[in-house]
PDB file of all heavy atoms in Angstrom:
ATOM      1  N   LEU A   1      92.661  94.137  93.428  1.00  0.00           N
ATOM      2  CA  LEU A   1      93.930  93.897  94.122  1.00  0.00           C
ATOM      3  C   LEU A   1      94.532  92.551  93.732  1.00  0.00           C
ATOM      4  O   LEU A   1      95.751  92.421  93.619  1.00  0.00           O
ATOM      5  CB  LEU A   1      93.718  93.974  95.629  1.00  0.00           C
ATOM      6  CG  LEU A   1      93.467  95.368  96.194  1.00  0.00           C
ATOM      7  CD1 LEU A   1      93.388  95.327  97.715  1.00  0.00           C
ATOM      8  CD2 LEU A   1      94.561  96.351  95.765  1.00  0.00           C
ATOM      9  N   GLU A   2      93.676  91.548  93.524  1.00  0.00           N
ATOM     10  CA  GLU A   2      94.202  90.259  93.087  1.00  0.00           C
ATOM     11  C   GLU A   2      94.798  90.386  91.683  1.00  0.00           C
ATOM     12  O   GLU A   2      95.840  89.786  91.381  1.00  0.00           O
ATOM     13  CB  GLU A   2      93.107  89.198  93.094  1.00  0.00           C
ATOM     14  CG  GLU A   2      93.657  87.811  92.759  1.00  0.00           C
ATOM     15  CD  GLU A   2      92.591  86.742  92.684  1.00  0.00           C
ATOM     16  OE1 GLU A   2      91.545  86.981  92.052  1.00  0.00           O
ATOM     17  OE2 GLU A   2      92.811  85.649  93.251  1.00  0.00           O
ATOM     18  N   TYR A   3      94.159  91.175  90.835  1.00  0.00           N
ATOM     19  CA  TYR A   3      94.681  91.399  89.485  1.00  0.00           C
ATOM     20  C   TYR A   3      96.061  92.066  89.543  1.00  0.00           C
ATOM     21  O   TYR A   3      96.968  91.719  88.778  1.00  0.00           O
ATOM     22  CB  TYR A   3      93.706  92.279  88.701  1.00  0.00           C
ATOM     23  CG  TYR A   3      94.220  92.741  87.363  1.00  0.00           C
ATOM     24  CD1 TYR A   3      94.222  91.889  86.258  1.00  0.00           C
ATOM     25  CD2 TYR A   3      94.715  94.035  87.201  1.00  0.00           C
ATOM     26  CE1 TYR A   3      94.710  92.313  85.030  1.00  0.00           C
ATOM     27  CE2 TYR A   3      95.200  94.465  85.976  1.00  0.00           C
ATOM     28  CZ  TYR A   3      95.197  93.607  84.897  1.00  0.00           C
ATOM     29  OH  TYR A   3      95.681  94.036  83.690  1.00  0.00           O
ATOM     30  N   LEU A   4      96.233  93.011  90.459  1.00  0.00           N
ATOM     31  CA  LEU A   4      97.493  93.740  90.573  1.00  0.00           C
ATOM     32  C   LEU A   4      98.606  92.912  91.207  1.00  0.00           C
ATOM     33  O   LEU A   4      99.770  93.008  90.806  1.00  0.00           O
ATOM     34  CB  LEU A   4      97.288  95.012  91.404  1.00  0.00           C
ATOM     35  CG  LEU A   4      96.571  96.185  90.759  1.00  0.00           C
ATOM     36  CD1 LEU A   4      96.369  97.298  91.777  1.00  0.00           C
ATOM     37  CD2 LEU A   4      97.364  96.713  89.559  1.00  0.00           C
ATOM     38  N   THR A   5      98.250  92.118  92.221  1.00  0.00           N
ATOM     39  CA  THR A   5      99.272  91.473  93.049  1.00  0.00           C
ATOM     40  C   THR A   5      99.308  89.954  92.946  1.00  0.00           C
ATOM     41  O   THR A   5     100.298  89.343  93.359  1.00  0.00           O
ATOM     42  CB  THR A   5      99.044  91.828  94.532  1.00  0.00           C
ATOM     43  OG1 THR A   5      97.813  91.233  94.987  1.00  0.00           O
ATOM     44  CG2 THR A   5      98.966  93.347  94.720  1.00  0.00           C
ATOM     45  N   GLY A   6      98.233  89.348  92.468  1.00  0.00           N
ATOM     46  CA  GLY A   6      98.153  87.894  92.456  1.00  0.00           C
ATOM     47  C   GLY A   6      97.715  87.317  93.787  1.00  0.00           C
ATOM     48  O   GLY A   6      97.612  86.095  93.942  1.00  0.00           O
ATOM     49  N   CYS A   7      97.447  88.196  94.761  1.00  0.00           N
ATOM     50  CA  CYS A   7      97.040  87.747  96.103  1.00  0.00           C
ATOM     51  C   CYS A   7      95.597  88.148  96.376  1.00  0.00           C
ATOM     52  O   CYS A   7      95.158  89.241  96.010  1.00  0.00           O
ATOM     53  CB  CYS A   7      97.947  88.363  97.165  1.00  0.00           C
ATOM     54  SG  CYS A   7      99.684  87.889  97.008  1.00  0.00           S
ATOM     55  N   LYS A   8      94.879  87.284  97.052  1.00  0.00           N
ATOM     56  CA  LYS A   8      93.494  87.552  97.415  1.00  0.00           C
ATOM     57  C   LYS A   8      93.451  88.214  98.790  1.00  0.00           C
ATOM     58  O   LYS A   8      93.868  87.624  99.782  1.00  0.00           O
ATOM     59  CB  LYS A   8      92.697  86.247  97.453  1.00  0.00           C
ATOM     60  CG  LYS A   8      91.269  86.386  97.971  1.00  0.00           C
ATOM     61  CD  LYS A   8      90.589  85.034  98.032  1.00  0.00           C
ATOM     62  CE  LYS A   8      89.193  85.136  98.639  1.00  0.00           C
ATOM     63  NZ  LYS A   8      88.523  83.804  98.690  1.00  0.00           N
ATOM     64  N   PRO A   9      92.965  89.437  98.881  1.00  0.00           N
ATOM     65  CA  PRO A   9      92.851  90.083 100.196  1.00  0.00           C
ATOM     66  C   PRO A   9      91.727  89.434 101.002  1.00  0.00           C
ATOM     67  O   PRO A   9      90.649  89.164 100.467  1.00  0.00           O
ATOM     68  CB  PRO A   9      92.524  91.535  99.854  1.00  0.00           C
ATOM     69  CG  PRO A   9      91.856  91.466  98.525  1.00  0.00           C
ATOM     70  CD  PRO A   9      92.499  90.320  97.795  1.00  0.00           C
ATOM     71  N   ILE A  10      91.983  89.176 102.276  1.00  0.00           N
ATOM     72  CA  ILE A  10      90.952  88.535 103.098  1.00  0.00           C
ATOM     73  C   ILE A  10      90.619  89.327 104.364  1.00  0.00           C
ATOM     74  O   ILE A  10      89.570  89.103 104.972  1.00  0.00           O
ATOM     75  CB  ILE A  10      91.350  87.093 103.490  1.00  0.00           C
ATOM     76  CG1 ILE A  10      92.634  87.103 104.328  1.00  0.00           C
ATOM     77  CG2 ILE A  10      91.493  86.218 102.258  1.00  0.00           C
ATOM     78  CD1 ILE A  10      92.985  85.736 104.897  1.00  0.00           C
ATOM     79  N   TYR A  11      91.498  90.254 104.751  1.00  0.00           N
ATOM     80  CA  TYR A  11      91.264  91.006 105.988  1.00  0.00           C
ATOM     81  C   TYR A  11      91.865  92.403 105.823  1.00  0.00           C
ATOM     82  O   TYR A  11      92.958  92.559 105.294  1.00  0.00           O
ATOM     83  CB  TYR A  11      91.916  90.303 107.181  1.00  0.00           C
ATOM     84  CG  TYR A  11      91.467  90.826 108.531  1.00  0.00           C
ATOM     85  CD1 TYR A  11      90.342  90.294 109.156  1.00  0.00           C
ATOM     86  CD2 TYR A  11      92.154  91.845 109.175  1.00  0.00           C
ATOM     87  CE1 TYR A  11      89.922  90.763 110.393  1.00  0.00           C
ATOM     88  CE2 TYR A  11      91.732  92.333 110.404  1.00  0.00           C
ATOM     89  CZ  TYR A  11      90.619  91.778 111.012  1.00  0.00           C
ATOM     90  OH  TYR A  11      90.194  92.260 112.226  1.00  0.00           O
ATOM     91  N   ILE A  12      91.136  93.411 106.285  1.00  0.00           N
ATOM     92  CA  ILE A  12      91.581  94.793 106.165  1.00  0.00           C
ATOM     93  C   ILE A  12      91.646  95.427 107.547  1.00  0.00           C
ATOM     94  O   ILE A  12      90.654  95.432 108.276  1.00  0.00           O
ATOM     95  CB  ILE A  12      90.622  95.620 105.280  1.00  0.00           C
ATOM     96  CG1 ILE A  12      90.443  94.970 103.907  1.00  0.00           C
ATOM     97  CG2 ILE A  12      91.148  97.049 105.117  1.00  0.00           C
ATOM     98  CD1 ILE A  12      89.406  95.653 103.043  1.00  0.00           C
ATOM     99  N   GLU A  13      92.807  95.945 107.901  1.00  0.00           N
ATOM    100  CA  GLU A  13      92.935  96.685 109.147  1.00  0.00           C
ATOM    101  C   GLU A  13      92.556  98.145 108.888  1.00  0.00           C
ATOM    102  O   GLU A  13      92.723  98.658 107.791  1.00  0.00           O
ATOM    103  CB  GLU A  13      94.370  96.625 109.662  1.00  0.00           C
ATOM    104  CG  GLU A  13      94.790  95.265 110.182  1.00  0.00           C
ATOM    105  CD  GLU A  13      94.215  94.962 111.553  1.00  0.00           C
ATOM    106  OE1 GLU A  13      93.489  95.822 112.094  1.00  0.00           O
ATOM    107  OE2 GLU A  13      94.493  93.870 112.081  1.00  0.00           O
ATOM    108  N   GLY A  14      92.043  98.811 109.913  1.00  0.00           N
ATOM    109  CA  GLY A  14      91.717 100.211 109.751  1.00  0.00           C
ATOM    110  C   GLY A  14      90.646 100.662 110.719  1.00  0.00           C
ATOM    111  O   GLY A  14      90.097  99.864 111.484  1.00  0.00           O
ATOM    112  N   GLU A  15      90.355 101.939 110.674  1.00  0.00           N
ATOM    113  CA  GLU A  15      89.354 102.520 111.561  1.00  0.00           C
ATOM    114  C   GLU A  15      88.007 102.574 110.856  1.00  0.00           C
ATOM    115  O   GLU A  15      87.573 103.612 110.366  1.00  0.00           O
ATOM    116  CB  GLU A  15      89.797 103.916 112.010  1.00  0.00           C
ATOM    117  CG  GLU A  15      91.071 103.908 112.832  1.00  0.00           C
ATOM    118  CD  GLU A  15      91.476 105.297 113.283  1.00  0.00           C
ATOM    119  OE1 GLU A  15      90.725 106.255 112.999  1.00  0.00           O
ATOM    120  OE2 GLU A  15      92.538 105.420 113.915  1.00  0.00           O
ATOM    121  N   PHE A  16      87.371 101.429 110.754  1.00  0.00           N
ATOM    122  CA  PHE A  16      86.032 101.341 110.202  1.00  0.00           C
ATOM    123  C   PHE A  16      85.333 100.144 110.834  1.00  0.00           C
ATOM    124  O   PHE A  16      85.909  99.458 111.684  1.00  0.00           O
ATOM    125  CB  PHE A  16      86.053 101.261 108.669  1.00  0.00           C
ATOM    126  CG  PHE A  16      86.777 100.062 108.104  1.00  0.00           C
ATOM    127  CD1 PHE A  16      86.068  98.984 107.605  1.00  0.00           C
ATOM    128  CD2 PHE A  16      88.162 100.026 108.057  1.00  0.00           C
ATOM    129  CE1 PHE A  16      86.716  97.885 107.077  1.00  0.00           C
ATOM    130  CE2 PHE A  16      88.826  98.931 107.530  1.00  0.00           C
ATOM    131  CZ  PHE A  16      88.101  97.853 107.037  1.00  0.00           C
ATOM    132  N   ARG A  17      84.099  99.883 110.457  1.00  0.00           N
ATOM    133  CA  ARG A  17      83.276  98.896 111.157  1.00  0.00           C
ATOM    134  C   ARG A  17      83.944  97.518 111.219  1.00  0.00           C
ATOM    135  O   ARG A  17      84.412  96.989 110.209  1.00  0.00           O
ATOM    136  CB  ARG A  17      81.918  98.767 110.471  1.00  0.00           C
ATOM    137  CG  ARG A  17      81.122 100.071 110.459  1.00  0.00           C
ATOM    138  CD  ARG A  17      79.730  99.868 109.905  1.00  0.00           C
ATOM    139  NE  ARG A  17      79.076 101.147 109.646  1.00  0.00           N
ATOM    140  CZ  ARG A  17      77.815 101.289 109.268  1.00  0.00           C
ATOM    141  NH1 ARG A  17      77.051 100.216 109.124  1.00  0.00           N
ATOM    142  NH2 ARG A  17      77.295 102.483 109.037  1.00  0.00           N
ATOM    143  N   GLU A  18      83.958  96.933 112.421  1.00  0.00           N
ATOM    144  CA  GLU A  18      84.591  95.628 112.622  1.00  0.00           C
ATOM    145  C   GLU A  18      83.981  94.564 111.720  1.00  0.00           C
ATOM    146  O   GLU A  18      84.663  93.653 111.257  1.00  0.00           O
ATOM    147  CB  GLU A  18      84.453  95.206 114.090  1.00  0.00           C
ATOM    148  CG  GLU A  18      85.336  95.982 115.048  1.00  0.00           C
ATOM    149  CD  GLU A  18      86.819  95.720 114.828  1.00  0.00           C
ATOM    150  OE1 GLU A  18      87.172  94.579 114.468  1.00  0.00           O
ATOM    151  OE2 GLU A  18      87.618  96.658 114.998  1.00  0.00           O
ATOM    152  N   SER A  19      82.672  94.662 111.480  1.00  0.00           N
ATOM    153  CA  SER A  19      81.976  93.649 110.692  1.00  0.00           C
ATOM    154  C   SER A  19      82.443  93.609 109.242  1.00  0.00           C
ATOM    155  O   SER A  19      82.106  92.677 108.505  1.00  0.00           O
ATOM    156  CB  SER A  19      80.464  93.916 110.726  1.00  0.00           C
ATOM    157  OG  SER A  19      80.158  95.183 110.161  1.00  0.00           O
ATOM    158  N   ARG A  20      83.237  94.588 108.830  1.00  0.00           N
ATOM    159  CA  ARG A  20      83.665  94.661 107.436  1.00  0.00           C
ATOM    160  C   ARG A  20      85.112  94.227 107.213  1.00  0.00           C
ATOM    161  O   ARG A  20      85.523  94.042 106.073  1.00  0.00           O
ATOM    162  CB  ARG A  20      83.489  96.095 106.925  1.00  0.00           C
ATOM    163  CG  ARG A  20      82.052  96.561 106.985  1.00  0.00           C
ATOM    164  CD  ARG A  20      81.922  97.991 106.539  1.00  0.00           C
ATOM    165  NE  ARG A  20      80.532  98.423 106.534  1.00  0.00           N
ATOM    166  CZ  ARG A  20      80.116  99.623 106.179  1.00  0.00           C
ATOM    167  NH1 ARG A  20      80.999 100.535 105.820  1.00  0.00           N
ATOM    168  NH2 ARG A  20      78.839  99.930 106.191  1.00  0.00           N
ATOM    169  N   LYS A  21      85.862  94.085 108.279  1.00  0.00           N
ATOM    170  CA  LYS A  21      87.291  93.822 108.132  1.00  0.00           C
ATOM    171  C   LYS A  21      87.583  92.410 107.612  1.00  0.00           C
ATOM    172  O   LYS A  21      88.453  92.228 106.772  1.00  0.00           O
ATOM    173  CB  LYS A  21      87.999  94.071 109.464  1.00  0.00           C
ATOM    174  CG  LYS A  21      87.921  95.515 109.917  1.00  0.00           C
ATOM    175  CD  LYS A  21      88.640  95.754 111.232  1.00  0.00           C
ATOM    176  CE  LYS A  21      88.569  97.226 111.637  1.00  0.00           C
ATOM    177  NZ  LYS A  21      89.289  97.500 112.896  1.00  0.00           N
ATOM    178  N   ASP A  22      86.868  91.422 108.126  1.00  0.00           N
ATOM    179  CA  ASP A  22      87.020  90.040 107.676  1.00  0.00           C
ATOM    180  C   ASP A  22      86.150  89.879 106.430  1.00  0.00           C
ATOM    181  O   ASP A  22      84.979  89.518 106.511  1.00  0.00           O
ATOM    182  CB  ASP A  22      86.586  89.087 108.789  1.00  0.00           C
ATOM    183  CG  ASP A  22      86.883  87.633 108.481  1.00  0.00           C
ATOM    184  OD1 ASP A  22      87.427  87.348 107.398  1.00  0.00           O
ATOM    185  OD2 ASP A  22      86.546  86.779 109.327  1.00  0.00           O
ATOM    186  N   ILE A  23      86.718  90.144 105.258  1.00  0.00           N
ATOM    187  CA  ILE A  23      85.926  90.314 104.037  1.00  0.00           C
ATOM    188  C   ILE A  23      85.066  89.101 103.722  1.00  0.00           C
ATOM    189  O   ILE A  23      83.863  89.230 103.454  1.00  0.00           O
ATOM    190  CB  ILE A  23      86.848  90.609 102.837  1.00  0.00           C
ATOM    191  CG1 ILE A  23      87.728  91.822 103.115  1.00  0.00           C
ATOM    192  CG2 ILE A  23      86.012  90.842 101.576  1.00  0.00           C
ATOM    193  CD1 ILE A  23      88.777  92.068 102.031  1.00  0.00           C
ATOM    194  N   PHE A  24      85.664  87.915 103.748  1.00  0.00           N
ATOM    195  CA  PHE A  24      84.956  86.704 103.332  1.00  0.00           C
ATOM    196  C   PHE A  24      84.725  85.723 104.473  1.00  0.00           C
ATOM    197  O   PHE A  24      84.397  84.560 104.236  1.00  0.00           O
ATOM    198  CB  PHE A  24      85.733  86.011 102.205  1.00  0.00           C
ATOM    199  CG  PHE A  24      85.994  86.906 101.023  1.00  0.00           C
ATOM    200  CD1 PHE A  24      87.291  87.299 100.716  1.00  0.00           C
ATOM    201  CD2 PHE A  24      84.966  87.354 100.214  1.00  0.00           C
ATOM    202  CE1 PHE A  24      87.552  88.116  99.619  1.00  0.00           C
ATOM    203  CE2 PHE A  24      85.203  88.178  99.127  1.00  0.00           C
ATOM    204  CZ  PHE A  24      86.502  88.560  98.831  1.00  0.00           C
ATOM    205  N   GLY A  25      84.903  86.164 105.708  1.00  0.00           N
ATOM    206  CA  GLY A  25      84.697  85.273 106.848  1.00  0.00           C
ATOM    207  C   GLY A  25      85.743  84.186 106.967  1.00  0.00           C
ATOM    208  O   GLY A  25      85.497  83.157 107.594  1.00  0.00           O
ATOM    209  N   LEU A  26      86.923  84.416 106.396  1.00  0.00           N
ATOM    210  CA  LEU A  26      87.968  83.396 106.401  1.00  0.00           C
ATOM    211  C   LEU A  26      88.876  83.496 107.619  1.00  0.00           C
ATOM    212  O   LEU A  26      89.654  82.577 107.888  1.00  0.00           O
ATOM    213  CB  LEU A  26      88.815  83.506 105.129  1.00  0.00           C
ATOM    214  CG  LEU A  26      88.060  83.275 103.810  1.00  0.00           C
ATOM    215  CD1 LEU A  26      88.991  83.518 102.629  1.00  0.00           C
ATOM    216  CD2 LEU A  26      87.484  81.869 103.765  1.00  0.00           C
ATOM    217  N   VAL A  27      88.795  84.596 108.350  1.00  0.00           N
ATOM    218  CA  VAL A  27      89.638  84.786 109.537  1.00  0.00           C
ATOM    219  C   VAL A  27      88.869  84.441 110.801  1.00  0.00           C
ATOM    220  O   VAL A  27      89.327  83.634 111.624  1.00  0.00           O
ATOM    221  CB  VAL A  27      90.158  86.240 109.598  1.00  0.00           C
ATOM    222  CG1 VAL A  27      90.974  86.459 110.874  1.00  0.00           C
ATOM    223  CG2 VAL A  27      91.002  86.558 108.368  1.00  0.00           C
TER     224      VAL A  27
END
């Protein structure tokens, strides 16, 4: 995604495990 957009994803919303949404612990 960073290659495509130039932005680093750090958090993902959605219906899956809470422990996985904050990808790098930055939030």
